[in-house]
C-alpha atoms as a PDB file:
ATOM      1  CA  UNK A   1      13.387 -15.057 -20.059  1.00  0.00           C
ATOM      2  CA  UNK A   2      10.949 -14.213 -22.887  1.00  0.00           C
ATOM      3  CA  UNK A   3      12.196 -13.293 -26.366  1.00  0.00           C
ATOM      4  CA  UNK A   4      14.668 -10.430 -26.143  1.00  0.00           C
ATOM      5  CA  UNK A   5      12.583  -8.239 -28.498  1.00  0.00           C
ATOM      6  CA  UNK A   6       8.894  -7.951 -27.641  1.00  0.00           C
ATOM      7  CA  UNK A   7       6.252  -6.451 -29.914  1.00  0.00           C
ATOM      8  CA  UNK A   8       8.922  -5.063 -32.175  1.00  0.00           C
ATOM      9  CA  UNK A   9       9.747  -2.274 -29.682  1.00  0.00           C
ATOM     10  CA  UNK A  10      10.668  -3.583 -26.209  1.00  0.00           C
ATOM     11  CA  UNK A  11      14.159  -4.970 -25.563  1.00  0.00           C
ATOM     12  CA  UNK A  12      14.211  -7.115 -22.412  1.00  0.00           C
ATOM     13  CA  UNK A  13      17.327  -6.335 -20.364  1.00  0.00           C
ATOM     14  CA  UNK A  14      17.063  -7.877 -16.885  1.00  0.00           C
ATOM     15  CA  UNK A  15      14.869  -9.682 -14.387  1.00  0.00           C
ATOM     16  CA  UNK A  16      13.438  -7.421 -11.664  1.00  0.00           C
ATOM     17  CA  UNK A  17      11.325  -9.793  -9.601  1.00  0.00           C
ATOM     18  CA  UNK A  18       8.851 -12.650  -9.483  1.00  0.00           C
ATOM     19  CA  UNK A  19       5.629 -13.276  -7.591  1.00  0.00           C
ATOM     20  CA  UNK A  20       2.914 -15.890  -7.452  1.00  0.00           C
ATOM     21  CA  UNK A  21       1.145 -14.657 -10.568  1.00  0.00           C
ATOM     22  CA  UNK A  22       3.676 -12.765 -12.653  1.00  0.00           C
ATOM     23  CA  UNK A  23       7.320 -12.093 -13.356  1.00  0.00           C
ATOM     24  CA  UNK A  24       8.648  -8.574 -14.028  1.00  0.00           C
ATOM     25  CA  UNK A  25      11.488  -7.586 -16.339  1.00  0.00           C
ATOM     26  CA  UNK A  26      13.208  -4.317 -17.057  1.00  0.00           C
ATOM     27  CA  UNK A  27      13.183  -3.335 -20.727  1.00  0.00           C
ATOM     28  CA  UNK A  28      14.063  -0.531 -23.116  1.00  0.00           C
ATOM     29  CA  UNK A  29      11.268   0.974 -25.179  1.00  0.00           C
ATOM     30  CA  UNK A  30      12.834   1.603 -28.607  1.00  0.00           C
ATOM     31  CA  UNK A  31       9.893   3.735 -29.709  1.00  0.00           C
ATOM     32  CA  UNK A  32       9.759   6.119 -26.739  1.00  0.00           C
ATOM     33  CA  UNK A  33      13.480   5.819 -25.908  1.00  0.00           C
ATOM     34  CA  UNK A  34      12.910   5.122 -22.211  1.00  0.00           C
ATOM     35  CA  UNK A  35      13.145   2.310 -19.687  1.00  0.00           C
ATOM     36  CA  UNK A  36       9.975   0.424 -18.767  1.00  0.00           C
ATOM     37  CA  UNK A  37       8.943  -2.536 -16.669  1.00  0.00           C
ATOM     38  CA  UNK A  38       7.108  -5.460 -18.272  1.00  0.00           C
ATOM     39  CA  UNK A  39       5.067  -7.990 -16.328  1.00  0.00           C
ATOM     40  CA  UNK A  40       4.380 -11.411 -17.826  1.00  0.00           C
ATOM     41  CA  UNK A  41       1.927 -13.905 -16.446  1.00  0.00           C
ATOM     42  CA  UNK A  42       3.654 -17.007 -15.113  1.00  0.00           C
ATOM     43  CA  UNK A  43       2.846 -20.079 -17.166  1.00  0.00           C
ATOM     44  CA  UNK A  44       4.041 -23.445 -15.912  1.00  0.00           C
ATOM     45  CA  UNK A  45       3.420 -26.732 -17.680  1.00  0.00           C
ATOM     46  CA  UNK A  46       3.073 -28.571 -14.359  1.00  0.00           C
ATOM     47  CA  UNK A  47       0.340 -26.283 -13.017  1.00  0.00           C
ATOM     48  CA  UNK A  48      -3.224 -27.575 -13.203  1.00  0.00           C
ATOM     49  CA  UNK A  49      -5.658 -25.899 -15.571  1.00  0.00           C
ATOM     50  CA  UNK A  50      -7.822 -24.411 -12.797  1.00  0.00           C
ATOM     51  CA  UNK A  51      -4.839 -22.664 -11.188  1.00  0.00           C
ATOM     52  CA  UNK A  52      -3.758 -21.274 -14.542  1.00  0.00           C
ATOM     53  CA  UNK A  53      -7.279 -19.960 -15.192  1.00  0.00           C
ATOM     54  CA  UNK A  54      -7.250 -18.188 -11.837  1.00  0.00           C
ATOM     55  CA  UNK A  55      -3.915 -16.584 -12.722  1.00  0.00           C
ATOM     56  CA  UNK A  56      -5.341 -15.426 -16.038  1.00  0.00           C
ATOM     57  CA  UNK A  57      -8.290 -13.753 -14.316  1.00  0.00           C
ATOM     58  CA  UNK A  58      -6.027 -12.031 -11.777  1.00  0.00           C
ATOM     59  CA  UNK A  59      -3.775 -10.812 -14.551  1.00  0.00           C
ATOM     60  CA  UNK A  60      -6.683  -9.507 -16.640  1.00  0.00           C
ATOM     61  CA  UNK A  61      -8.102  -7.734 -13.615  1.00  0.00           C
ATOM     62  CA  UNK A  62      -4.792  -6.039 -12.788  1.00  0.00           C
ATOM     63  CA  UNK A  63      -4.668  -4.667 -16.338  1.00  0.00           C
ATOM     64  CA  UNK A  64      -8.296  -3.532 -16.097  1.00  0.00           C
ATOM     65  CA  UNK A  65      -7.710  -1.653 -12.845  1.00  0.00           C
ATOM     66  CA  UNK A  66      -4.467   0.033 -13.910  1.00  0.00           C
ATOM     67  CA  UNK A  67      -5.969   1.026 -17.266  1.00  0.00           C
ATOM     68  CA  UNK A  68      -8.679   3.141 -15.642  1.00  0.00           C
ATOM     69  CA  UNK A  69      -6.629   4.737 -12.833  1.00  0.00           C
ATOM     70  CA  UNK A  70      -4.379   7.730 -13.451  1.00  0.00           C
ATOM     71  CA  UNK A  71      -2.642   9.169 -10.409  1.00  0.00           C
ATOM     72  CA  UNK A  72       0.930  10.436  -9.834  1.00  0.00           C
ATOM     73  CA  UNK A  73       1.229   8.116  -6.848  1.00  0.00           C
ATOM     74  CA  UNK A  74       0.235   4.958  -8.735  1.00  0.00           C
ATOM     75  CA  UNK A  75       2.464   3.175 -11.223  1.00  0.00           C
ATOM     76  CA  UNK A  76       1.279   3.969 -14.782  1.00  0.00           C
ATOM     77  CA  UNK A  77       0.177   1.409 -17.359  1.00  0.00           C
ATOM     78  CA  UNK A  78       1.554   2.064 -20.861  1.00  0.00           C
ATOM     79  CA  UNK A  79       0.690  -0.933 -23.000  1.00  0.00           C
ATOM     80  CA  UNK A  80      -0.525  -4.549 -22.933  1.00  0.00           C
ATOM     81  CA  UNK A  81      -0.712  -7.498 -25.279  1.00  0.00           C
ATOM     82  CA  UNK A  82       0.247 -11.114 -25.885  1.00  0.00           C
ATOM     83  CA  UNK A  83       3.514 -12.743 -26.854  1.00  0.00           C
ATOM     84  CA  UNK A  84       3.790 -14.888 -29.988  1.00  0.00           C
ATOM     85  CA  UNK A  85       2.928 -17.937 -27.885  1.00  0.00           C
ATOM     86  CA  UNK A  86      -0.125 -16.271 -26.369  1.00  0.00           C
ATOM     87  CA  UNK A  87       1.343 -15.269 -22.998  1.00  0.00           C
ATOM     88  CA  UNK A  88      -0.273 -12.058 -21.670  1.00  0.00           C
ATOM     89  CA  UNK A  89       1.896  -9.134 -20.598  1.00  0.00           C
ATOM     90  CA  UNK A  90       1.606  -5.467 -19.786  1.00  0.00           C
ATOM     91  CA  UNK A  91       4.066  -2.581 -19.883  1.00  0.00           C
ATOM     92  CA  UNK A  92       4.271  -0.087 -17.050  1.00  0.00           C
ATOM     93  CA  UNK A  93       6.322   2.749 -15.664  1.00  0.00           C
ATOM     94  CA  UNK A  94       9.791   1.745 -14.473  1.00  0.00           C
ATOM     95  CA  UNK A  95      10.227   3.135 -10.964  1.00  0.00           C
ATOM     96  CA  UNK A  96      13.651   3.563  -9.360  1.00  0.00           C
ATOM     97  CA  UNK A  97      13.938   4.103  -5.627  1.00  0.00           C
ATOM     98  CA  UNK A  98      13.720   2.375  -2.273  1.00  0.00           C
ATOM     99  CA  UNK A  99      10.761   0.454  -0.976  1.00  0.00           C
ATOM    100  CA  UNK A 100       9.227   1.736   2.236  1.00  0.00           C
ATOM    101  CA  UNK A 101      10.132  -1.672   3.677  1.00  0.00           C
ATOM    102  CA  UNK A 102      13.839  -0.963   3.126  1.00  0.00           C
ATOM    103  CA  UNK A 103      13.530   2.541   4.579  1.00  0.00           C
ATOM    104  CA  UNK A 104      11.810   1.251   7.725  1.00  0.00           C
ATOM    105  CA  UNK A 105      14.673  -1.169   8.336  1.00  0.00           C
ATOM    106  CA  UNK A 106      16.568   1.883   9.589  1.00  0.00           C
ATOM    107  CA  UNK A 107      13.873   2.562  12.191  1.00  0.00           C
ATOM    108  CA  UNK A 108      10.953   4.924  12.711  1.00  0.00           C
ATOM    109  CA  UNK A 109      10.484   8.093  10.686  1.00  0.00           C
ATOM    110  CA  UNK A 110      10.330  11.647  11.995  1.00  0.00           C
ATOM    111  CA  UNK A 111       6.796  12.907  12.328  1.00  0.00           C
ATOM    112  CA  UNK A 112       7.012  15.415   9.464  1.00  0.00           C
ATOM    113  CA  UNK A 113       8.479  12.870   7.061  1.00  0.00           C
ATOM    114  CA  UNK A 114       5.918  10.240   8.040  1.00  0.00           C
ATOM    115  CA  UNK A 115       3.004  12.619   7.506  1.00  0.00           C
ATOM    116  CA  UNK A 116       4.335  13.721   4.116  1.00  0.00           C
ATOM    117  CA  UNK A 117       4.510  10.115   2.897  1.00  0.00           C
ATOM    118  CA  UNK A 118       1.173   9.171   4.465  1.00  0.00           C
ATOM    119  CA  UNK A 119      -0.502  12.072   2.647  1.00  0.00           C
ATOM    120  CA  UNK A 120       0.786  10.774  -0.676  1.00  0.00           C
ATOM    121  CA  UNK A 121      -0.057   7.133   0.021  1.00  0.00           C
ATOM    122  CA  UNK A 122      -3.488   8.126   1.304  1.00  0.00           C
ATOM    123  CA  UNK A 123      -4.204  10.199  -1.803  1.00  0.00           C
ATOM    124  CA  UNK A 124      -3.301   7.241  -4.035  1.00  0.00           C
ATOM    125  CA  UNK A 125      -5.403   4.894  -1.931  1.00  0.00           C
ATOM    126  CA  UNK A 126      -8.377   7.244  -2.089  1.00  0.00           C
ATOM    127  CA  UNK A 127      -8.060   7.376  -5.882  1.00  0.00           C
ATOM    128  CA  UNK A 128      -8.226   3.573  -6.025  1.00  0.00           C
ATOM    129  CA  UNK A 129     -11.308   3.548  -3.816  1.00  0.00           C
ATOM    130  CA  UNK A 130     -12.969   6.299  -5.860  1.00  0.00           C
ATOM    131  CA  UNK A 131     -12.643   3.957  -8.841  1.00  0.00           C
ATOM    132  CA  UNK A 132     -14.559   1.310  -6.901  1.00  0.00           C
ATOM    133  CA  UNK A 133     -11.529  -0.928  -6.370  1.00  0.00           C
ATOM    134  CA  UNK A 134      -9.449  -2.082  -3.417  1.00  0.00           C
ATOM    135  CA  UNK A 135      -5.754  -2.950  -3.352  1.00  0.00           C
ATOM    136  CA  UNK A 136      -5.915  -5.864  -0.844  1.00  0.00           C
ATOM    137  CA  UNK A 137      -2.139  -6.116  -0.513  1.00  0.00           C
ATOM    138  CA  UNK A 138      -1.065  -2.715   0.803  1.00  0.00           C
ATOM    139  CA  UNK A 139       2.271  -3.079   2.612  1.00  0.00           C
ATOM    140  CA  UNK A 140       5.652  -1.292   2.811  1.00  0.00           C
ATOM    141  CA  UNK A 141       7.110  -3.660   0.214  1.00  0.00           C
ATOM    142  CA  UNK A 142       4.553  -2.434  -2.348  1.00  0.00           C
ATOM    143  CA  UNK A 143       5.304   1.255  -1.795  1.00  0.00           C
ATOM    144  CA  UNK A 144       8.272   2.696  -3.661  1.00  0.00           C
ATOM    145  CA  UNK A 145       9.852   5.930  -2.435  1.00  0.00           C
ATOM    146  CA  UNK A 146      11.505   7.983  -5.160  1.00  0.00           C
ATOM    147  CA  UNK A 147      13.852  10.892  -4.557  1.00  0.00           C
ATOM    148  CA  UNK A 148      12.939  13.639  -7.019  1.00  0.00           C
ATOM    149  CA  UNK A 149      14.883  16.885  -6.766  1.00  0.00           C
ATOM    150  CA  UNK A 150      15.337  16.406  -3.041  1.00  0.00           C
ATOM    151  CA  UNK A 151      11.692  15.511  -2.387  1.00  0.00           C
ATOM    152  CA  UNK A 152      10.312  12.074  -1.587  1.00  0.00           C
ATOM    153  CA  UNK A 153       7.580  10.755  -3.866  1.00  0.00           C
ATOM    154  CA  UNK A 154       5.595   7.642  -2.873  1.00  0.00           C
ATOM    155  CA  UNK A 155       4.219   5.285  -5.526  1.00  0.00           C
ATOM    156  CA  UNK A 156       1.951   2.277  -5.045  1.00  0.00           C
ATOM    157  CA  UNK A 157       2.957  -0.897  -6.873  1.00  0.00           C
ATOM    158  CA  UNK A 158       1.648  -4.420  -7.475  1.00  0.00           C
ATOM    159  CA  UNK A 159      -2.096  -4.609  -8.064  1.00  0.00           C
ATOM    160  CA  UNK A 160      -1.873  -8.360  -8.607  1.00  0.00           C
ATOM    161  CA  UNK A 161      -4.685  -9.220  -6.187  1.00  0.00           C
ATOM    162  CA  UNK A 162      -6.588  -5.927  -6.331  1.00  0.00           C
ATOM    163  CA  UNK A 163     -10.351  -6.279  -6.606  1.00  0.00           C
ATOM    164  CA  UNK A 164     -13.067  -4.406  -8.483  1.00  0.00           C
ATOM    165  CA  UNK A 165     -15.917  -4.083  -5.997  1.00  0.00           C
ATOM    166  CA  UNK A 166     -18.607  -4.087  -8.663  1.00  0.00           C
ATOM    167  CA  UNK A 167     -17.634  -7.606  -9.765  1.00  0.00           C
ATOM    168  CA  UNK A 168     -20.774  -9.513  -8.933  1.00  0.00           C
ATOM    169  CA  UNK A 169     -22.059 -11.461 -11.910  1.00  0.00           C
ATOM    170  CA  UNK A 170     -20.842 -15.023 -12.223  1.00  0.00           C
ATOM    171  CA  UNK A 171     -20.327 -14.536 -15.954  1.00  0.00           C
ATOM    172  CA  UNK A 172     -18.263 -11.361 -15.477  1.00  0.00           C
ATOM    173  CA  UNK A 173     -14.727 -11.580 -16.896  1.00  0.00           C
ATOM    174  CA  UNK A 174     -13.594 -10.240 -13.507  1.00  0.00           C
ATOM    175  CA  UNK A 175     -15.763 -12.477 -11.341  1.00  0.00           C
ATOM    176  CA  UNK A 176     -14.672 -12.973  -7.714  1.00  0.00           C
ATOM    177  CA  UNK A 177     -11.664 -15.227  -7.482  1.00  0.00           C
ATOM    178  CA  UNK A 178     -11.219 -15.831  -3.758  1.00  0.00           C
ATOM    179  CA  UNK A 179     -12.351 -19.295  -2.749  1.00  0.00           C
ATOM    180  CA  UNK A 180     -13.669 -20.167   0.697  1.00  0.00           C
ATOM    181  CA  UNK A 181     -10.835 -20.873   3.098  1.00  0.00           C
ATOM    182  CA  UNK A 182      -8.173 -19.349   0.838  1.00  0.00           C
ATOM    183  CA  UNK A 183      -6.584 -16.190   2.225  1.00  0.00           C
ATOM    184  CA  UNK A 184      -5.190 -13.647  -0.231  1.00  0.00           C
ATOM    185  CA  UNK A 185      -2.621 -11.049   0.743  1.00  0.00           C
ATOM    186  CA  UNK A 186       0.295 -10.717   3.151  1.00  0.00           C
ATOM    187  CA  UNK A 187      -0.517 -12.085   6.606  1.00  0.00           C
ATOM    188  CA  UNK A 188       1.019  -9.177   8.550  1.00  0.00           C
ATOM    189  CA  UNK A 189      -1.323  -6.683   6.853  1.00  0.00           C
ATOM    190  CA  UNK A 190      -4.597  -8.606   6.556  1.00  0.00           C
ATOM    191  CA  UNK A 191      -7.636  -7.017   8.170  1.00  0.00           C
ATOM    192  CA  UNK A 192      -9.801  -9.065  10.558  1.00  0.00           C
ATOM    193  CA  UNK A 193     -12.474  -9.428   7.867  1.00  0.00           C
ATOM    194  CA  UNK A 194      -9.906 -10.831   5.433  1.00  0.00           C
ATOM    195  CA  UNK A 195      -8.920 -13.458   7.999  1.00  0.00           C
ATOM    196  CA  UNK A 196     -12.607 -14.282   8.411  1.00  0.00           C
ATOM    197  CA  UNK A 197     -13.124 -14.499   4.640  1.00  0.00           C
ATOM    198  CA  UNK A 198     -15.901 -11.909   4.728  1.00  0.00           C
ATOM    199  CA  UNK A 199     -16.916  -9.703   1.786  1.00  0.00           C
ATOM    200  CA  UNK A 200     -14.477  -6.812   1.592  1.00  0.00           C
ATOM    201  CA  UNK A 201     -14.682  -3.090   1.018  1.00  0.00           C
ATOM    202  CA  UNK A 202     -12.227  -0.183   1.134  1.00  0.00           C
ATOM    203  CA  UNK A 203     -11.944  -0.364   4.930  1.00  0.00           C
ATOM    204  CA  UNK A 204      -9.727  -3.448   4.570  1.00  0.00           C
ATOM    205  CA  UNK A 205      -7.170  -1.154   2.901  1.00  0.00           C
ATOM    206  CA  UNK A 206      -7.659   1.454   5.661  1.00  0.00           C
ATOM    207  CA  UNK A 207      -6.635  -1.187   8.205  1.00  0.00           C
ATOM    208  CA  UNK A 208      -3.396  -1.895   6.300  1.00  0.00           C
ATOM    209  CA  UNK A 209      -2.851   1.862   5.905  1.00  0.00           C
ATOM    210  CA  UNK A 210      -3.159   2.243   9.688  1.00  0.00           C
ATOM    211  CA  UNK A 211      -0.601  -0.513  10.248  1.00  0.00           C
ATOM    212  CA  UNK A 212       1.826   1.254   7.900  1.00  0.00           C
ATOM    213  CA  UNK A 213       1.279   4.532   9.784  1.00  0.00           C
ATOM    214  CA  UNK A 214       1.919   2.716  13.077  1.00  0.00           C
ATOM    215  CA  UNK A 215       5.195   1.320  11.735  1.00  0.00           C
ATOM    216  CA  UNK A 216       6.309   4.682  10.382  1.00  0.00           C
ATOM    217  CA  UNK A 217       5.779   6.386  13.728  1.00  0.00           C
ATOM    218  CA  UNK A 218       7.034   3.671  16.082  1.00  0.00           C
ATOM    219  CA  UNK A 219       9.367   1.485  14.044  1.00  0.00           C
ATOM    220  CA  UNK A 220       7.298  -1.537  15.126  1.00  0.00           C
ATOM    221  CA  UNK A 221       4.456  -3.609  13.709  1.00  0.00           C
ATOM    222  CA  UNK A 222       1.852  -4.220  16.454  1.00  0.00           C
ATOM    223  CA  UNK A 223       0.993  -7.777  15.376  1.00  0.00           C
ATOM    224  CA  UNK A 224       4.200  -9.124  13.863  1.00  0.00           C
ATOM    225  CA  UNK A 225       6.074 -11.951  15.519  1.00  0.00           C
ATOM    226  CA  UNK A 226       3.480 -14.708  15.619  1.00  0.00           C
ATOM    227  CA  UNK A 227       4.846 -18.216  16.004  1.00  0.00           C
ATOM    228  CA  UNK A 228       2.575 -19.422  13.212  1.00  0.00           C
ATOM    229  CA  UNK A 229       0.050 -18.108  10.698  1.00  0.00           C
ATOM    230  CA  UNK A 230      -2.675 -19.103  13.155  1.00  0.00           C
ATOM    231  CA  UNK A 231      -1.000 -17.103  15.920  1.00  0.00           C
ATOM    232  CA  UNK A 232      -0.722 -14.073  13.638  1.00  0.00           C
ATOM    233  CA  UNK A 233      -4.380 -14.439  12.729  1.00  0.00           C
ATOM    234  CA  UNK A 234      -5.456 -14.439  16.390  1.00  0.00           C
ATOM    235  CA  UNK A 235      -3.391 -11.306  17.035  1.00  0.00           C
ATOM    236  CA  UNK A 236      -5.252  -9.480  14.302  1.00  0.00           C
ATOM    237  CA  UNK A 237      -8.607 -10.803  15.460  1.00  0.00           C
ATOM    238  CA  UNK A 238      -8.277 -10.411  19.226  1.00  0.00           C
ATOM    239  CA  UNK A 239      -5.211  -8.483  20.389  1.00  0.00           C
ATOM    240  CA  UNK A 240      -5.492  -4.736  20.879  1.00  0.00           C
ATOM    241  CA  UNK A 241      -2.424  -2.778  19.683  1.00  0.00           C
ATOM    242  CA  UNK A 242      -0.503  -0.707  22.189  1.00  0.00           C
ATOM    243  CA  UNK A 243      -0.946   3.062  21.815  1.00  0.00           C
ATOM    244  CA  UNK A 244       1.974   4.343  19.688  1.00  0.00           C
ATOM    245  CA  UNK A 245       2.892   6.910  22.365  1.00  0.00           C
ATOM    246  CA  UNK A 246       3.480   4.075  24.845  1.00  0.00           C
ATOM    247  CA  UNK A 247       6.335   2.861  22.604  1.00  0.00           C
ATOM    248  CA  UNK A 248       7.873   6.310  22.128  1.00  0.00           C
ATOM    249  CA  UNK A 249       6.997   9.288  24.336  1.00  0.00           C
ATOM    250  CA  UNK A 250       7.941  11.664  21.506  1.00  0.00           C
ATOM    251  CA  UNK A 251       4.822  10.552  19.622  1.00  0.00           C
ATOM    252  CA  UNK A 252       1.902  12.888  20.430  1.00  0.00           C
ATOM    253  CA  UNK A 253      -0.710  11.238  22.622  1.00  0.00           C
ATOM    254  CA  UNK A 254      -3.347  12.940  20.472  1.00  0.00           C
ATOM    255  CA  UNK A 255      -2.236  10.781  17.541  1.00  0.00           C
ATOM    256  CA  UNK A 256      -2.979   7.560  19.417  1.00  0.00           C
ATOM    257  CA  UNK A 257      -6.700   7.779  18.810  1.00  0.00           C
ATOM    258  CA  UNK A 258      -6.185   8.462  15.096  1.00  0.00           C
ATOM    259  CA  UNK A 259      -3.925   5.457  14.560  1.00  0.00           C
ATOM    260  CA  UNK A 260      -5.936   3.125  16.801  1.00  0.00           C
ATOM    261  CA  UNK A 261      -9.228   4.033  15.131  1.00  0.00           C
ATOM    262  CA  UNK A 262      -7.812   2.914  11.783  1.00  0.00           C
ATOM    263  CA  UNK A 263      -6.969  -0.452  13.403  1.00  0.00           C
ATOM    264  CA  UNK A 264     -10.395  -1.135  14.924  1.00  0.00           C
ATOM    265  CA  UNK A 265     -11.373  -4.823  14.758  1.00  0.00           C
ATOM    266  CA  UNK A 266     -14.882  -3.809  13.730  1.00  0.00           C
ATOM    267  CA  UNK A 267     -14.597  -2.088  10.368  1.00  0.00           C
ATOM    268  CA  UNK A 268     -17.687   0.001  11.160  1.00  0.00           C
ATOM    269  CA  UNK A 269     -15.552   1.764  13.778  1.00  0.00           C
ATOM    270  CA  UNK A 270     -12.686   2.517  11.363  1.00  0.00           C
ATOM    271  CA  UNK A 271     -12.255   5.538   9.159  1.00  0.00           C
ATOM    272  CA  UNK A 272     -14.376   5.286   6.040  1.00  0.00           C
ATOM    273  CA  UNK A 273     -11.619   6.704   3.823  1.00  0.00           C
ATOM    274  CA  UNK A 274      -7.926   7.538   3.761  1.00  0.00           C
ATOM    275  CA  UNK A 275      -8.827  11.228   3.421  1.00  0.00           C
ATOM    276  CA  UNK A 276     -10.820  11.106   6.661  1.00  0.00           C
ATOM    277  CA  UNK A 277      -7.812   9.534   8.392  1.00  0.00           C
ATOM    278  CA  UNK A 278      -5.456  12.206   7.018  1.00  0.00           C
ATOM    279  CA  UNK A 279      -7.825  15.017   7.990  1.00  0.00           C
ATOM    280  CA  UNK A 280      -7.780  13.920  11.627  1.00  0.00           C
ATOM    281  CA  UNK A 281      -4.000  13.397  11.512  1.00  0.00           C
ATOM    282  CA  UNK A 282      -3.479  16.917  10.162  1.00  0.00           C
ATOM    283  CA  UNK A 283      -5.839  18.403  12.768  1.00  0.00           C
ATOM    284  CA  UNK A 284      -3.747  16.792  15.509  1.00  0.00           C
ATOM    285  CA  UNK A 285      -0.579  18.313  14.057  1.00  0.00           C
ATOM    286  CA  UNK A 286      -2.260  21.713  13.874  1.00  0.00           C
ATOM    287  CA  UNK A 287      -3.401  21.420  17.494  1.00  0.00           C
ATOM    288  CA  UNK A 288       0.098  20.461  18.620  1.00  0.00           C
ATOM    289  CA  UNK A 289       1.491  23.468  16.780  1.00  0.00           C
ATOM    290  CA  UNK A 290      -1.041  25.803  18.397  1.00  0.00           C
ATOM    291  CA  UNK A 291      -0.314  24.433  21.851  1.00  0.00           C
ATOM    292  CA  UNK A 292       3.449  24.590  21.445  1.00  0.00           C
ATOM    293  CA  UNK A 293       3.267  28.165  20.125  1.00  0.00           C
ATOM    294  CA  UNK A 294       1.043  29.208  23.029  1.00  0.00           C
ATOM    295  CA  UNK A 295       3.317  27.535  25.571  1.00  0.00           C
ATOM    296  CA  UNK A 296       6.535  28.959  24.176  1.00  0.00           C
ATOM    297  CA  UNK A 297       5.078  32.481  24.097  1.00  0.00           C
ATOM    298  CA  UNK A 298       4.131  32.275  27.803  1.00  0.00           C
ATOM    299  CA  UNK A 299       7.282  32.133  30.014  1.00  0.00           C
ATOM    300  CA  UNK A 300       5.087  32.039  33.132  1.00  0.00           C
ATOM    301  CA  UNK A 301       3.814  28.581  32.266  1.00  0.00           C
ATOM    302  CA  UNK A 302       5.117  26.136  34.848  1.00  0.00           C
ATOM    303  CA  UNK A 303       3.536  22.875  33.779  1.00  0.00           C
ATOM    304  CA  UNK A 304       3.479  21.388  30.306  1.00  0.00           C
ATOM    305  CA  UNK A 305       0.286  19.325  30.006  1.00  0.00           C
ATOM    306  CA  UNK A 306       1.251  17.708  26.742  1.00  0.00           C
ATOM    307  CA  UNK A 307       4.331  16.567  24.878  1.00  0.00           C
ATOM    308  CA  UNK A 308       5.874  19.093  22.479  1.00  0.00           C
ATOM    309  CA  UNK A 309       7.095  17.127  19.497  1.00  0.00           C
ATOM    310  CA  UNK A 310       8.900  17.923  16.288  1.00  0.00           C
ATOM    311  CA  UNK A 311       6.625  19.919  13.989  1.00  0.00           C
ATOM    312  CA  UNK A 312       7.214  19.432  10.223  1.00  0.00           C
ATOM    313  CA  UNK A 313       8.838  22.368   8.500  1.00  0.00           C
ATOM    314  CA  UNK A 314       6.679  24.351   6.098  1.00  0.00           C
ATOM    315  CA  UNK A 315       8.396  22.829   3.105  1.00  0.00           C
ATOM    316  CA  UNK A 316       7.659  19.354   4.474  1.00  0.00           C
ATOM    317  CA  UNK A 317       3.938  19.962   4.725  1.00  0.00           C
ATOM    318  CA  UNK A 318       1.790  19.122   1.711  1.00  0.00           C
END
């Protein structure tokens, strides 16, 4: 654990978690009288210089991205600096809640709840893309769900391997870090182009967003369960996901094409933005509502040509 008092104002209280690049602690901000989270870059004496330099660039880039993005669905950056021994750190919003990963352990979500959360996640994702960056590690574990006055608020966390798309010059302080043959991210949520080590754009995040939507609606991940990393890779590259409605007949068939389009192997066939995805999703819900209203107001109807599903209450719609 770093020194208990940092920068003359932050009192370190407990360890929250550790990743490949940084370690996060909970702390009390004596100046603002609130709890914060502080991320320190991992520094190990046994690690070779090149690896440590890569960590430093990742860490600097995470600070750069968070410093220019302000969105209620993205964890806020408050401060950054260096410890007395030169170790970089940054201070961010302390978020209390459940990860989407933990919530999904209880099974699929109702349609209204899923759409509410997807709207929030999609808005945050679109904000990132509007700032010419991509997350590259979007997954349920990196989405925190907060209960605020009875309403669920989704926040995106962990921009440790996020990328600024304008990074192009070799002498840029945020020059590309990925090396040929080295895959970054979580294997269950990597897009086909990430597996193929191709240049990336925002559609890699749209693919992960589609996988999260699939899990929310069905309770299943379409490509999880590979016997090896290579097997998982081939599933993402070659296997077509089952339509969500084939796993649960309560899921509207009209939603199949929305979810499956976001998971297209060819990124040119995917949605170009999270907002485009959400627009089609909302149009499907509106069409289902119109059809169900028309059907229920016509007692003479003998055959139901579509599945009537749960429609989100007005206070669930955003």
